[in-house]
Amino acid sequence: MRAVSHRFDSIASEYGLNSPDYFLGLATTGQLGTKELIRLIDRVREGSTEIMLHPGLCDADLQNYGGRLQRERQKELEALLSPDSRRVVAKGGIRLINYRELEQADAQTTPA
């Protein structure tokens, strides 16, 4: 991500898109169990951080769809819902937000 982050930032700025300050999880795609998620959460710094996940249920619809990351989606969902992950988030004082809230936070910190 570092290799393309400057280009991404330029494009996002040009189109007025909001993005988090930091991005984690690309290298762990398809491997994100509870332990790996907690390691990423422990790396969260001041500012906004996106952790890339693909949570979901590995049900018949997903299996019929095909594609990759089927059972891995279930594993990532379980990691997100894990009491251990939730404890680490709470202990770190991390506030979970969505992109609408990211936009509002950026608007409050951007000088007029």
PDB file of N, CA and C in Angstrom:
ATOM      1  N   MET A   1       0.816  -1.191   0.000  1.00  0.00           N
ATOM      2  CA  MET A   1       0.000   0.000   0.000  1.00  0.00           C
ATOM      3  C   MET A   1       0.864   1.261   0.000  1.00  0.00           C
ATOM      4  N   ARG A   2       1.995   1.220   0.690  1.00  0.00           N
ATOM      5  CA  ARG A   2       2.829   2.423   0.745  1.00  0.00           C
ATOM      6  C   ARG A   2       3.257   2.890  -0.639  1.00  0.00           C
ATOM      7  N   ALA A   3       3.491   1.933  -1.533  1.00  0.00           N
ATOM      8  CA  ALA A   3       3.966   2.268  -2.873  1.00  0.00           C
ATOM      9  C   ALA A   3       2.934   3.074  -3.663  1.00  0.00           C
ATOM     10  N   VAL A   4       1.653   2.863  -3.395  1.00  0.00           N
ATOM     11  CA  VAL A   4       0.614   3.564  -4.142  1.00  0.00           C
ATOM     12  C   VAL A   4      -0.147   4.587  -3.303  1.00  0.00           C
ATOM     13  N   SER A   5       0.197   4.710  -2.044  1.00  0.00           N
ATOM     14  CA  SER A   5      -0.590   5.574  -1.161  1.00  0.00           C
ATOM     15  C   SER A   5      -0.557   7.044  -1.581  1.00  0.00           C
ATOM     16  N   HIS A   6       0.574   7.526  -2.056  1.00  0.00           N
ATOM     17  CA  HIS A   6       0.650   8.928  -2.475  1.00  0.00           C
ATOM     18  C   HIS A   6      -0.294   9.181  -3.643  1.00  0.00           C
ATOM     19  N   ARG A   7      -0.311   8.262  -4.588  1.00  0.00           N
ATOM     20  CA  ARG A   7      -1.211   8.395  -5.758  1.00  0.00           C
ATOM     21  C   ARG A   7      -2.668   8.331  -5.324  1.00  0.00           C
ATOM     22  N   PHE A   8      -2.969   7.399  -4.425  1.00  0.00           N
ATOM     23  CA  PHE A   8      -4.330   7.285  -3.915  1.00  0.00           C
ATOM     24  C   PHE A   8      -4.744   8.575  -3.212  1.00  0.00           C
ATOM     25  N   ASP A   9      -3.872   9.116  -2.370  1.00  0.00           N
ATOM     26  CA  ASP A   9      -4.183  10.365  -1.660  1.00  0.00           C
ATOM     27  C   ASP A   9      -4.452  11.503  -2.636  1.00  0.00           C
ATOM     28  N   SER A  10      -3.679  11.570  -3.715  1.00  0.00           N
ATOM     29  CA  SER A  10      -3.887  12.618  -4.726  1.00  0.00           C
ATOM     30  C   SER A  10      -5.248  12.482  -5.396  1.00  0.00           C
ATOM     31  N   ILE A  11      -5.606  11.256  -5.763  1.00  0.00           N
ATOM     32  CA  ILE A  11      -6.892  11.023  -6.423  1.00  0.00           C
ATOM     33  C   ILE A  11      -8.041  11.324  -5.455  1.00  0.00           C
ATOM     34  N   ALA A  12      -7.920  10.853  -4.228  1.00  0.00           N
ATOM     35  CA  ALA A  12      -8.968  11.095  -3.237  1.00  0.00           C
ATOM     36  C   ALA A  12      -9.151  12.588  -3.006  1.00  0.00           C
ATOM     37  N   SER A  13      -8.060  13.308  -2.910  1.00  0.00           N
ATOM     38  CA  SER A  13      -8.128  14.754  -2.703  1.00  0.00           C
ATOM     39  C   SER A  13      -8.760  15.454  -3.901  1.00  0.00           C
ATOM     40  N   GLU A  14      -8.366  15.045  -5.100  1.00  0.00           N
ATOM     41  CA  GLU A  14      -8.894  15.648  -6.326  1.00  0.00           C
ATOM     42  C   GLU A  14     -10.414  15.523  -6.413  1.00  0.00           C
ATOM     43  N   TYR A  15     -10.947  14.389  -5.962  1.00  0.00           N
ATOM     44  CA  TYR A  15     -12.384  14.147  -6.045  1.00  0.00           C
ATOM     45  C   TYR A  15     -13.122  14.433  -4.732  1.00  0.00           C
ATOM     46  N   GLY A  16     -12.406  14.959  -3.748  1.00  0.00           N
ATOM     47  CA  GLY A  16     -13.041  15.291  -2.473  1.00  0.00           C
ATOM     48  C   GLY A  16     -13.480  14.084  -1.674  1.00  0.00           C
ATOM     49  N   LEU A  17     -12.751  12.972  -1.810  1.00  0.00           N
ATOM     50  CA  LEU A  17     -13.077  11.752  -1.089  1.00  0.00           C
ATOM     51  C   LEU A  17     -12.362  11.717   0.249  1.00  0.00           C
ATOM     52  N   ASN A  18     -13.044  11.233   1.255  1.00  0.00           N
ATOM     53  CA  ASN A  18     -12.425  11.072   2.563  1.00  0.00           C
ATOM     54  C   ASN A  18     -11.799   9.692   2.655  1.00  0.00           C
ATOM     55  N   SER A  19     -10.706   9.612   3.343  1.00  0.00           N
ATOM     56  CA  SER A  19     -10.058   8.325   3.577  1.00  0.00           C
ATOM     57  C   SER A  19      -9.420   8.365   4.953  1.00  0.00           C
ATOM     58  N   PRO A  20      -9.248   7.198   5.542  1.00  0.00           N
ATOM     59  CA  PRO A  20      -8.626   7.165   6.861  1.00  0.00           C
ATOM     60  C   PRO A  20      -7.149   7.542   6.783  1.00  0.00           C
ATOM     61  N   ASP A  21      -6.600   7.881   7.934  1.00  0.00           N
ATOM     62  CA  ASP A  21      -5.182   8.234   8.004  1.00  0.00           C
ATOM     63  C   ASP A  21      -4.284   7.025   7.772  1.00  0.00           C
ATOM     64  N   TYR A  22      -4.734   5.864   8.200  1.00  0.00           N
ATOM     65  CA  TYR A  22      -3.927   4.641   8.126  1.00  0.00           C
ATOM     66  C   TYR A  22      -4.783   3.494   7.595  1.00  0.00           C
ATOM     67  N   PHE A  23      -4.109   2.499   7.011  1.00  0.00           N
ATOM     68  CA  PHE A  23      -4.790   1.344   6.443  1.00  0.00           C
ATOM     69  C   PHE A  23      -4.010   0.091   6.833  1.00  0.00           C
ATOM     70  N   LEU A  24      -4.700  -0.889   7.396  1.00  0.00           N
ATOM     71  CA  LEU A  24      -4.071  -2.143   7.816  1.00  0.00           C
ATOM     72  C   LEU A  24      -4.868  -3.327   7.272  1.00  0.00           C
ATOM     73  N   GLY A  25      -4.198  -4.436   7.064  1.00  0.00           N
ATOM     74  CA  GLY A  25      -4.884  -5.675   6.752  1.00  0.00           C
ATOM     75  C   GLY A  25      -4.676  -6.243   5.369  1.00  0.00           C
ATOM     76  N   LEU A  26      -4.036  -5.503   4.483  1.00  0.00           N
ATOM     77  CA  LEU A  26      -3.858  -6.021   3.125  1.00  0.00           C
ATOM     78  C   LEU A  26      -3.038  -7.313   3.125  1.00  0.00           C
ATOM     79  N   ALA A  27      -1.973  -7.334   3.879  1.00  0.00           N
ATOM     80  CA  ALA A  27      -1.085  -8.508   3.900  1.00  0.00           C
ATOM     81  C   ALA A  27      -1.724  -9.709   4.587  1.00  0.00           C
ATOM     82  N   THR A  28      -2.795  -9.493   5.349  1.00  0.00           N
ATOM     83  CA  THR A  28      -3.429 -10.594   6.078  1.00  0.00           C
ATOM     84  C   THR A  28      -4.752 -11.022   5.465  1.00  0.00           C
ATOM     85  N   THR A  29      -5.043 -10.568   4.247  1.00  0.00           N
ATOM     86  CA  THR A  29      -6.293 -10.939   3.578  1.00  0.00           C
ATOM     87  C   THR A  29      -6.447 -12.457   3.542  1.00  0.00           C
ATOM     88  N   GLY A  30      -7.577 -12.927   4.021  1.00  0.00           N
ATOM     89  CA  GLY A  30      -7.862 -14.353   4.024  1.00  0.00           C
ATOM     90  C   GLY A  30      -7.242 -15.113   5.175  1.00  0.00           C
ATOM     91  N   GLN A  31      -6.526 -14.436   6.051  1.00  0.00           N
ATOM     92  CA  GLN A  31      -5.841 -15.101   7.165  1.00  0.00           C
ATOM     93  C   GLN A  31      -6.189 -14.474   8.508  1.00  0.00           C
ATOM     94  N   LEU A  32      -7.208 -13.645   8.541  1.00  0.00           N
ATOM     95  CA  LEU A  32      -7.474 -12.828   9.714  1.00  0.00           C
ATOM     96  C   LEU A  32      -8.386 -13.517  10.720  1.00  0.00           C
ATOM     97  N   GLY A  33      -7.765 -14.280  11.614  1.00  0.00           N
ATOM     98  CA  GLY A  33      -8.478 -14.845  12.748  1.00  0.00           C
ATOM     99  C   GLY A  33      -8.388 -13.871  13.905  1.00  0.00           C
ATOM    100  N   THR A  34      -8.852 -14.282  15.051  1.00  0.00           N
ATOM    101  CA  THR A  34      -8.874 -13.397  16.220  1.00  0.00           C
ATOM    102  C   THR A  34      -7.483 -12.924  16.597  1.00  0.00           C
ATOM    103  N   LYS A  35      -6.507 -13.801  16.647  1.00  0.00           N
ATOM    104  CA  LYS A  35      -5.148 -13.400  17.038  1.00  0.00           C
ATOM    105  C   LYS A  35      -4.572 -12.366  16.080  1.00  0.00           C
ATOM    106  N   GLU A  36      -4.761 -12.582  14.793  1.00  0.00           N
ATOM    107  CA  GLU A  36      -4.238 -11.651  13.792  1.00  0.00           C
ATOM    108  C   GLU A  36      -4.960 -10.306  13.870  1.00  0.00           C
ATOM    109  N   LEU A  37      -6.267 -10.334  14.087  1.00  0.00           N
ATOM    110  CA  LEU A  37      -7.017  -9.088  14.220  1.00  0.00           C
ATOM    111  C   LEU A  37      -6.551  -8.312  15.442  1.00  0.00           C
ATOM    112  N   ILE A  38      -6.336  -8.987  16.542  1.00  0.00           N
ATOM    113  CA  ILE A  38      -5.859  -8.313  17.754  1.00  0.00           C
ATOM    114  C   ILE A  38      -4.491  -7.687  17.510  1.00  0.00           C
ATOM    115  N   ARG A  39      -3.619  -8.365  16.776  1.00  0.00           N
ATOM    116  CA  ARG A  39      -2.314  -7.767  16.441  1.00  0.00           C
ATOM    117  C   ARG A  39      -2.482  -6.489  15.636  1.00  0.00           C
ATOM    118  N   LEU A  40      -3.430  -6.476  14.709  1.00  0.00           N
ATOM    119  CA  LEU A  40      -3.682  -5.259  13.935  1.00  0.00           C
ATOM    120  C   LEU A  40      -4.283  -4.164  14.812  1.00  0.00           C
ATOM    121  N   ILE A  41      -5.213  -4.523  15.665  1.00  0.00           N
ATOM    122  CA  ILE A  41      -5.818  -3.536  16.563  1.00  0.00           C
ATOM    123  C   ILE A  41      -4.749  -2.906  17.448  1.00  0.00           C
ATOM    124  N   ASP A  42      -3.806  -3.706  17.890  1.00  0.00           N
ATOM    125  CA  ASP A  42      -2.711  -3.188  18.724  1.00  0.00           C
ATOM    126  C   ASP A  42      -1.829  -2.193  17.976  1.00  0.00           C
ATOM    127  N   ARG A  43      -1.883  -2.194  16.651  1.00  0.00           N
ATOM    128  CA  ARG A  43      -1.074  -1.269  15.836  1.00  0.00           C
ATOM    129  C   ARG A  43      -1.787   0.046  15.532  1.00  0.00           C
ATOM    130  N   VAL A  44      -3.060   0.148  15.929  1.00  0.00           N
ATOM    131  CA  VAL A  44      -3.832   1.360  15.659  1.00  0.00           C
ATOM    132  C   VAL A  44      -3.206   2.539  16.396  1.00  0.00           C
ATOM    133  N   ARG A  45      -3.034   3.638  15.660  1.00  0.00           N
ATOM    134  CA  ARG A  45      -2.437   4.851  16.229  1.00  0.00           C
ATOM    135  C   ARG A  45      -3.489   5.950  16.311  1.00  0.00           C
ATOM    136  N   GLU A  46      -3.066   7.082  16.848  1.00  0.00           N
ATOM    137  CA  GLU A  46      -3.935   8.249  16.912  1.00  0.00           C
ATOM    138  C   GLU A  46      -4.359   8.619  15.498  1.00  0.00           C
ATOM    139  N   GLY A  47      -5.596   8.955  15.321  1.00  0.00           N
ATOM    140  CA  GLY A  47      -6.126   9.266  14.000  1.00  0.00           C
ATOM    141  C   GLY A  47      -7.106   8.184  13.590  1.00  0.00           C
ATOM    142  N   SER A  48      -7.410   8.108  12.324  1.00  0.00           N
ATOM    143  CA  SER A  48      -8.361   7.106  11.837  1.00  0.00           C
ATOM    144  C   SER A  48      -7.607   5.996  11.107  1.00  0.00           C
ATOM    145  N   THR A  49      -8.040   4.775  11.352  1.00  0.00           N
ATOM    146  CA  THR A  49      -7.417   3.596  10.740  1.00  0.00           C
ATOM    147  C   THR A  49      -8.497   2.681  10.190  1.00  0.00           C
ATOM    148  N   GLU A  50      -8.314   2.247   8.953  1.00  0.00           N
ATOM    149  CA  GLU A  50      -9.194   1.236   8.379  1.00  0.00           C
ATOM    150  C   GLU A  50      -8.469  -0.102   8.446  1.00  0.00           C
ATOM    151  N   ILE A  51      -9.161  -1.101   8.964  1.00  0.00           N
ATOM    152  CA  ILE A  51      -8.641  -2.466   8.938  1.00  0.00           C
ATOM    153  C   ILE A  51      -9.481  -3.220   7.909  1.00  0.00           C
ATOM    154  N   MET A  52      -8.831  -3.697   6.870  1.00  0.00           N
ATOM    155  CA  MET A  52      -9.537  -4.370   5.787  1.00  0.00           C
ATOM    156  C   MET A  52      -9.969  -5.769   6.215  1.00  0.00           C
ATOM    157  N   LEU A  53     -11.255  -5.997   6.126  1.00  0.00           N
ATOM    158  CA  LEU A  53     -11.846  -7.288   6.447  1.00  0.00           C
ATOM    159  C   LEU A  53     -12.926  -7.597   5.414  1.00  0.00           C
ATOM    160  N   HIS A  54     -13.254  -8.863   5.301  1.00  0.00           N
ATOM    161  CA  HIS A  54     -14.337  -9.308   4.421  1.00  0.00           C
ATOM    162  C   HIS A  54     -15.238 -10.251   5.208  1.00  0.00           C
ATOM    163  N   PRO A  55     -15.874  -9.774   6.274  1.00  0.00           N
ATOM    164  CA  PRO A  55     -16.681 -10.680   7.097  1.00  0.00           C
ATOM    165  C   PRO A  55     -17.938 -11.134   6.370  1.00  0.00           C
ATOM    166  N   GLY A  56     -18.365 -12.318   6.682  1.00  0.00           N
ATOM    167  CA  GLY A  56     -19.596 -12.819   6.088  1.00  0.00           C
ATOM    168  C   GLY A  56     -19.881 -14.233   6.548  1.00  0.00           C
ATOM    169  N   LEU A  57     -21.016 -14.718   6.147  1.00  0.00           N
ATOM    170  CA  LEU A  57     -21.408 -16.083   6.460  1.00  0.00           C
ATOM    171  C   LEU A  57     -21.084 -16.966   5.267  1.00  0.00           C
ATOM    172  N   CYS A  58     -20.456 -18.075   5.532  1.00  0.00           N
ATOM    173  CA  CYS A  58     -20.143 -19.021   4.454  1.00  0.00           C
ATOM    174  C   CYS A  58     -21.353 -19.920   4.264  1.00  0.00           C
ATOM    175  N   ASP A  59     -22.379 -19.344   3.657  1.00  0.00           N
ATOM    176  CA  ASP A  59     -23.626 -20.076   3.445  1.00  0.00           C
ATOM    177  C   ASP A  59     -23.719 -20.550   1.996  1.00  0.00           C
ATOM    178  N   ALA A  60     -24.844 -21.165   1.664  1.00  0.00           N
ATOM    179  CA  ALA A  60     -25.030 -21.717   0.309  1.00  0.00           C
ATOM    180  C   ALA A  60     -24.953 -20.630  -0.753  1.00  0.00           C
ATOM    181  N   ASP A  61     -25.503 -19.447  -0.478  1.00  0.00           N
ATOM    182  CA  ASP A  61     -25.448 -18.358  -1.460  1.00  0.00           C
ATOM    183  C   ASP A  61     -24.001 -17.990  -1.788  1.00  0.00           C
ATOM    184  N   LEU A  62     -23.183 -17.853  -0.766  1.00  0.00           N
ATOM    185  CA  LEU A  62     -21.778 -17.501  -0.996  1.00  0.00           C
ATOM    186  C   LEU A  62     -21.053 -18.624  -1.724  1.00  0.00           C
ATOM    187  N   GLN A  63     -21.324 -19.845  -1.348  1.00  0.00           N
ATOM    188  CA  GLN A  63     -20.660 -20.969  -2.002  1.00  0.00           C
ATOM    189  C   GLN A  63     -21.086 -21.071  -3.468  1.00  0.00           C
ATOM    190  N   ASN A  64     -22.337 -20.787  -3.765  1.00  0.00           N
ATOM    191  CA  ASN A  64     -22.812 -20.806  -5.158  1.00  0.00           C
ATOM    192  C   ASN A  64     -22.219 -19.665  -5.962  1.00  0.00           C
ATOM    193  N   TYR A  65     -21.983 -18.541  -5.291  1.00  0.00           N
ATOM    194  CA  TYR A  65     -21.382 -17.392  -5.955  1.00  0.00           C
ATOM    195  C   TYR A  65     -19.976 -17.724  -6.435  1.00  0.00           C
ATOM    196  N   GLY A  66     -19.292 -18.544  -5.667  1.00  0.00           N
ATOM    197  CA  GLY A  66     -17.914 -18.882  -6.012  1.00  0.00           C
ATOM    198  C   GLY A  66     -16.981 -17.801  -5.513  1.00  0.00           C
ATOM    199  N   GLY A  67     -15.971 -17.539  -6.265  1.00  0.00           N
ATOM    200  CA  GLY A  67     -15.003 -16.536  -5.841  1.00  0.00           C
ATOM    201  C   GLY A  67     -14.135 -17.055  -4.707  1.00  0.00           C
ATOM    202  N   ARG A  68     -13.237 -16.196  -4.314  1.00  0.00           N
ATOM    203  CA  ARG A  68     -12.353 -16.604  -3.229  1.00  0.00           C
ATOM    204  C   ARG A  68     -12.853 -16.035  -1.911  1.00  0.00           C
ATOM    205  N   LEU A  69     -12.171 -16.337  -0.874  1.00  0.00           N
ATOM    206  CA  LEU A  69     -12.508 -15.868   0.469  1.00  0.00           C
ATOM    207  C   LEU A  69     -13.923 -16.269   0.867  1.00  0.00           C
ATOM    208  N   GLN A  70     -14.155 -17.550   0.921  1.00  0.00           N
ATOM    209  CA  GLN A  70     -15.467 -18.028   1.364  1.00  0.00           C
ATOM    210  C   GLN A  70     -15.421 -18.376   2.849  1.00  0.00           C
ATOM    211  N   ARG A  71     -14.731 -19.434   3.190  1.00  0.00           N
ATOM    212  CA  ARG A  71     -14.626 -19.805   4.606  1.00  0.00           C
ATOM    213  C   ARG A  71     -13.886 -18.727   5.394  1.00  0.00           C
ATOM    214  N   GLU A  72     -12.992 -18.022   4.713  1.00  0.00           N
ATOM    215  CA  GLU A  72     -12.228 -16.953   5.357  1.00  0.00           C
ATOM    216  C   GLU A  72     -13.150 -15.834   5.844  1.00  0.00           C
ATOM    217  N   ARG A  73     -14.244 -15.597   5.120  1.00  0.00           N
ATOM    218  CA  ARG A  73     -15.203 -14.568   5.532  1.00  0.00           C
ATOM    219  C   ARG A  73     -15.828 -14.925   6.880  1.00  0.00           C
ATOM    220  N   GLN A  74     -16.143 -16.191   7.051  1.00  0.00           N
ATOM    221  CA  GLN A  74     -16.711 -16.658   8.318  1.00  0.00           C
ATOM    222  C   GLN A  74     -15.685 -16.483   9.440  1.00  0.00           C
ATOM    223  N   LYS A  75     -14.428 -16.817   9.161  1.00  0.00           N
ATOM    224  CA  LYS A  75     -13.360 -16.676  10.144  1.00  0.00           C
ATOM    225  C   LYS A  75     -13.196 -15.211  10.555  1.00  0.00           C
ATOM    226  N   GLU A  76     -13.260 -14.293   9.594  1.00  0.00           N
ATOM    227  CA  GLU A  76     -13.117 -12.874   9.893  1.00  0.00           C
ATOM    228  C   GLU A  76     -14.328 -12.354  10.663  1.00  0.00           C
ATOM    229  N   LEU A  77     -15.521 -12.843  10.355  1.00  0.00           N
ATOM    230  CA  LEU A  77     -16.708 -12.465  11.109  1.00  0.00           C
ATOM    231  C   LEU A  77     -16.564 -12.902  12.563  1.00  0.00           C
ATOM    232  N   GLU A  78     -16.128 -14.126  12.760  1.00  0.00           N
ATOM    233  CA  GLU A  78     -15.934 -14.642  14.122  1.00  0.00           C
ATOM    234  C   GLU A  78     -14.874 -13.830  14.866  1.00  0.00           C
ATOM    235  N   ALA A  79     -13.816 -13.418  14.174  1.00  0.00           N
ATOM    236  CA  ALA A  79     -12.778 -12.590  14.801  1.00  0.00           C
ATOM    237  C   ALA A  79     -13.341 -11.242  15.235  1.00  0.00           C
ATOM    238  N   LEU A  80     -14.167 -10.635  14.381  1.00  0.00           N
ATOM    239  CA  LEU A  80     -14.772  -9.342  14.726  1.00  0.00           C
ATOM    240  C   LEU A  80     -15.705  -9.447  15.928  1.00  0.00           C
ATOM    241  N   LEU A  81     -16.414 -10.562  16.033  1.00  0.00           N
ATOM    242  CA  LEU A  81     -17.375 -10.742  17.113  1.00  0.00           C
ATOM    243  C   LEU A  81     -16.757 -11.334  18.376  1.00  0.00           C
ATOM    244  N   SER A  82     -15.504 -11.681  18.309  1.00  0.00           N
ATOM    245  CA  SER A  82     -14.824 -12.304  19.433  1.00  0.00           C
ATOM    246  C   SER A  82     -14.784 -11.380  20.655  1.00  0.00           C
ATOM    247  N   PRO A  83     -15.104 -11.913  21.837  1.00  0.00           N
ATOM    248  CA  PRO A  83     -14.989 -11.103  23.055  1.00  0.00           C
ATOM    249  C   PRO A  83     -13.563 -10.581  23.261  1.00  0.00           C
ATOM    250  N   ASP A  84     -12.558 -11.354  22.853  1.00  0.00           N
ATOM    251  CA  ASP A  84     -11.165 -10.909  23.006  1.00  0.00           C
ATOM    252  C   ASP A  84     -10.891  -9.681  22.143  1.00  0.00           C
ATOM    253  N   SER A  85     -11.356  -9.697  20.905  1.00  0.00           N
ATOM    254  CA  SER A  85     -11.161  -8.536  20.022  1.00  0.00           C
ATOM    255  C   SER A  85     -11.880  -7.320  20.583  1.00  0.00           C
ATOM    256  N   ARG A  86     -13.078  -7.517  21.035  1.00  0.00           N
ATOM    257  CA  ARG A  86     -13.862  -6.412  21.581  1.00  0.00           C
ATOM    258  C   ARG A  86     -13.201  -5.826  22.820  1.00  0.00           C
ATOM    259  N   ARG A  87     -12.603  -6.687  23.649  1.00  0.00           N
ATOM    260  CA  ARG A  87     -11.892  -6.221  24.852  1.00  0.00           C
ATOM    261  C   ARG A  87     -10.698  -5.347  24.473  1.00  0.00           C
ATOM    262  N   VAL A  88      -9.951  -5.770  23.464  1.00  0.00           N
ATOM    263  CA  VAL A  88      -8.777  -5.008  23.032  1.00  0.00           C
ATOM    264  C   VAL A  88      -9.197  -3.642  22.486  1.00  0.00           C
ATOM    265  N   VAL A  89     -10.282  -3.597  21.757  1.00  0.00           N
ATOM    266  CA  VAL A  89     -10.806  -2.321  21.247  1.00  0.00           C
ATOM    267  C   VAL A  89     -11.172  -1.416  22.415  1.00  0.00           C
ATOM    268  N   ALA A  90     -11.901  -1.943  23.382  1.00  0.00           N
ATOM    269  CA  ALA A  90     -12.322  -1.146  24.538  1.00  0.00           C
ATOM    270  C   ALA A  90     -11.121  -0.694  25.362  1.00  0.00           C
ATOM    271  N   LYS A  91     -10.209  -1.611  25.603  1.00  0.00           N
ATOM    272  CA  LYS A  91      -9.014  -1.287  26.401  1.00  0.00           C
ATOM    273  C   LYS A  91      -8.184  -0.190  25.736  1.00  0.00           C
ATOM    274  N   GLY A  92      -8.122  -0.203  24.412  1.00  0.00           N
ATOM    275  CA  GLY A  92      -7.348   0.799  23.679  1.00  0.00           C
ATOM    276  C   GLY A  92      -8.071   2.122  23.512  1.00  0.00           C
ATOM    277  N   GLY A  93      -9.315   2.191  23.987  1.00  0.00           N
ATOM    278  CA  GLY A  93     -10.079   3.422  23.845  1.00  0.00           C
ATOM    279  C   GLY A  93     -10.395   3.739  22.392  1.00  0.00           C
ATOM    280  N   ILE A  94     -10.519   2.705  21.592  1.00  0.00           N
ATOM    281  CA  ILE A  94     -10.754   2.867  20.152  1.00  0.00           C
ATOM    282  C   ILE A  94     -12.251   3.028  19.912  1.00  0.00           C
ATOM    283  N   ARG A  95     -12.589   4.019  19.121  1.00  0.00           N
ATOM    284  CA  ARG A  95     -13.986   4.249  18.759  1.00  0.00           C
ATOM    285  C   ARG A  95     -14.189   3.754  17.339  1.00  0.00           C
ATOM    286  N   LEU A  96     -15.114   2.834  17.165  1.00  0.00           N
ATOM    287  CA  LEU A  96     -15.416   2.288  15.840  1.00  0.00           C
ATOM    288  C   LEU A  96     -16.386   3.222  15.132  1.00  0.00           C
ATOM    289  N   ILE A  97     -16.068   3.562  13.890  1.00  0.00           N
ATOM    290  CA  ILE A  97     -16.906   4.478  13.113  1.00  0.00           C
ATOM    291  C   ILE A  97     -17.126   3.931  11.714  1.00  0.00           C
ATOM    292  N   ASN A  98     -18.023   4.571  10.993  1.00  0.00           N
ATOM    293  CA  ASN A  98     -18.241   4.228   9.596  1.00  0.00           C
ATOM    294  C   ASN A  98     -17.749   5.397   8.732  1.00  0.00           C
ATOM    295  N   TYR A  99     -17.882   5.269   7.431  1.00  0.00           N
ATOM    296  CA  TYR A  99     -17.356   6.321   6.546  1.00  0.00           C
ATOM    297  C   TYR A  99     -18.123   7.640   6.674  1.00  0.00           C
ATOM    298  N   ARG A 100     -19.401   7.593   7.010  1.00  0.00           N
ATOM    299  CA  ARG A 100     -20.148   8.833   7.226  1.00  0.00           C
ATOM    300  C   ARG A 100     -19.539   9.590   8.417  1.00  0.00           C
ATOM    301  N   GLU A 101     -19.238   8.861   9.486  1.00  0.00           N
ATOM    302  CA  GLU A 101     -18.628   9.492  10.654  1.00  0.00           C
ATOM    303  C   GLU A 101     -17.207   9.963  10.347  1.00  0.00           C
ATOM    304  N   LEU A 102     -16.509   9.260   9.484  1.00  0.00           N
ATOM    305  CA  LEU A 102     -15.167   9.692   9.071  1.00  0.00           C
ATOM    306  C   LEU A 102     -15.270  11.033   8.348  1.00  0.00           C
ATOM    307  N   GLU A 103     -16.261  11.164   7.480  1.00  0.00           N
ATOM    308  CA  GLU A 103     -16.472  12.408   6.752  1.00  0.00           C
ATOM    309  C   GLU A 103     -16.774  13.558   7.722  1.00  0.00           C
ATOM    310  N   GLN A 104     -17.599  13.289   8.717  1.00  0.00           N
ATOM    311  CA  GLN A 104     -17.945  14.316   9.703  1.00  0.00           C
ATOM    312  C   GLN A 104     -16.721  14.698  10.527  1.00  0.00           C
ATOM    313  N   ALA A 105     -15.913  13.720  10.901  1.00  0.00           N
ATOM    314  CA  ALA A 105     -14.706  14.008  11.679  1.00  0.00           C
ATOM    315  C   ALA A 105     -13.717  14.814  10.861  1.00  0.00           C
ATOM    316  N   ASP A 106     -13.566  14.473   9.574  1.00  0.00           N
ATOM    317  CA  ASP A 106     -12.674  15.235   8.697  1.00  0.00           C
ATOM    318  C   ASP A 106     -13.145  16.673   8.536  1.00  0.00           C
ATOM    319  N   ALA A 107     -14.446  16.858   8.428  1.00  0.00           N
ATOM    320  CA  ALA A 107     -15.007  18.204   8.265  1.00  0.00           C
ATOM    321  C   ALA A 107     -14.733  19.066   9.498  1.00  0.00           C
ATOM    322  N   GLN A 108     -14.719  18.457  10.665  1.00  0.00           N
ATOM    323  CA  GLN A 108     -14.473  19.196  11.904  1.00  0.00           C
ATOM    324  C   GLN A 108     -12.998  19.567  12.066  1.00  0.00           C
ATOM    325  N   THR A 109     -12.096  18.762  11.483  1.00  0.00           N
ATOM    326  CA  THR A 109     -10.672  19.018  11.671  1.00  0.00           C
ATOM    327  C   THR A 109     -10.023  19.755  10.498  1.00  0.00           C
ATOM    328  N   THR A 110     -10.763  19.915   9.391  1.00  0.00           N
ATOM    329  CA  THR A 110     -10.223  20.593   8.216  1.00  0.00           C
ATOM    330  C   THR A 110     -10.481  22.084   8.319  1.00  0.00           C
ATOM    331  N   PRO A 111      -9.417  22.911   8.206  1.00  0.00           N
ATOM    332  CA  PRO A 111      -9.634  24.356   8.280  1.00  0.00           C
ATOM    333  C   PRO A 111     -10.466  24.845   7.097  1.00  0.00           C
ATOM    334  N   ALA A 112     -11.302  25.851   7.359  1.00  0.00           N
ATOM    335  CA  ALA A 112     -12.168  26.400   6.315  1.00  0.00           C
ATOM    336  C   ALA A 112     -11.397  27.290   5.364  1.00  0.00           C
TER     337      ALA A 112
END
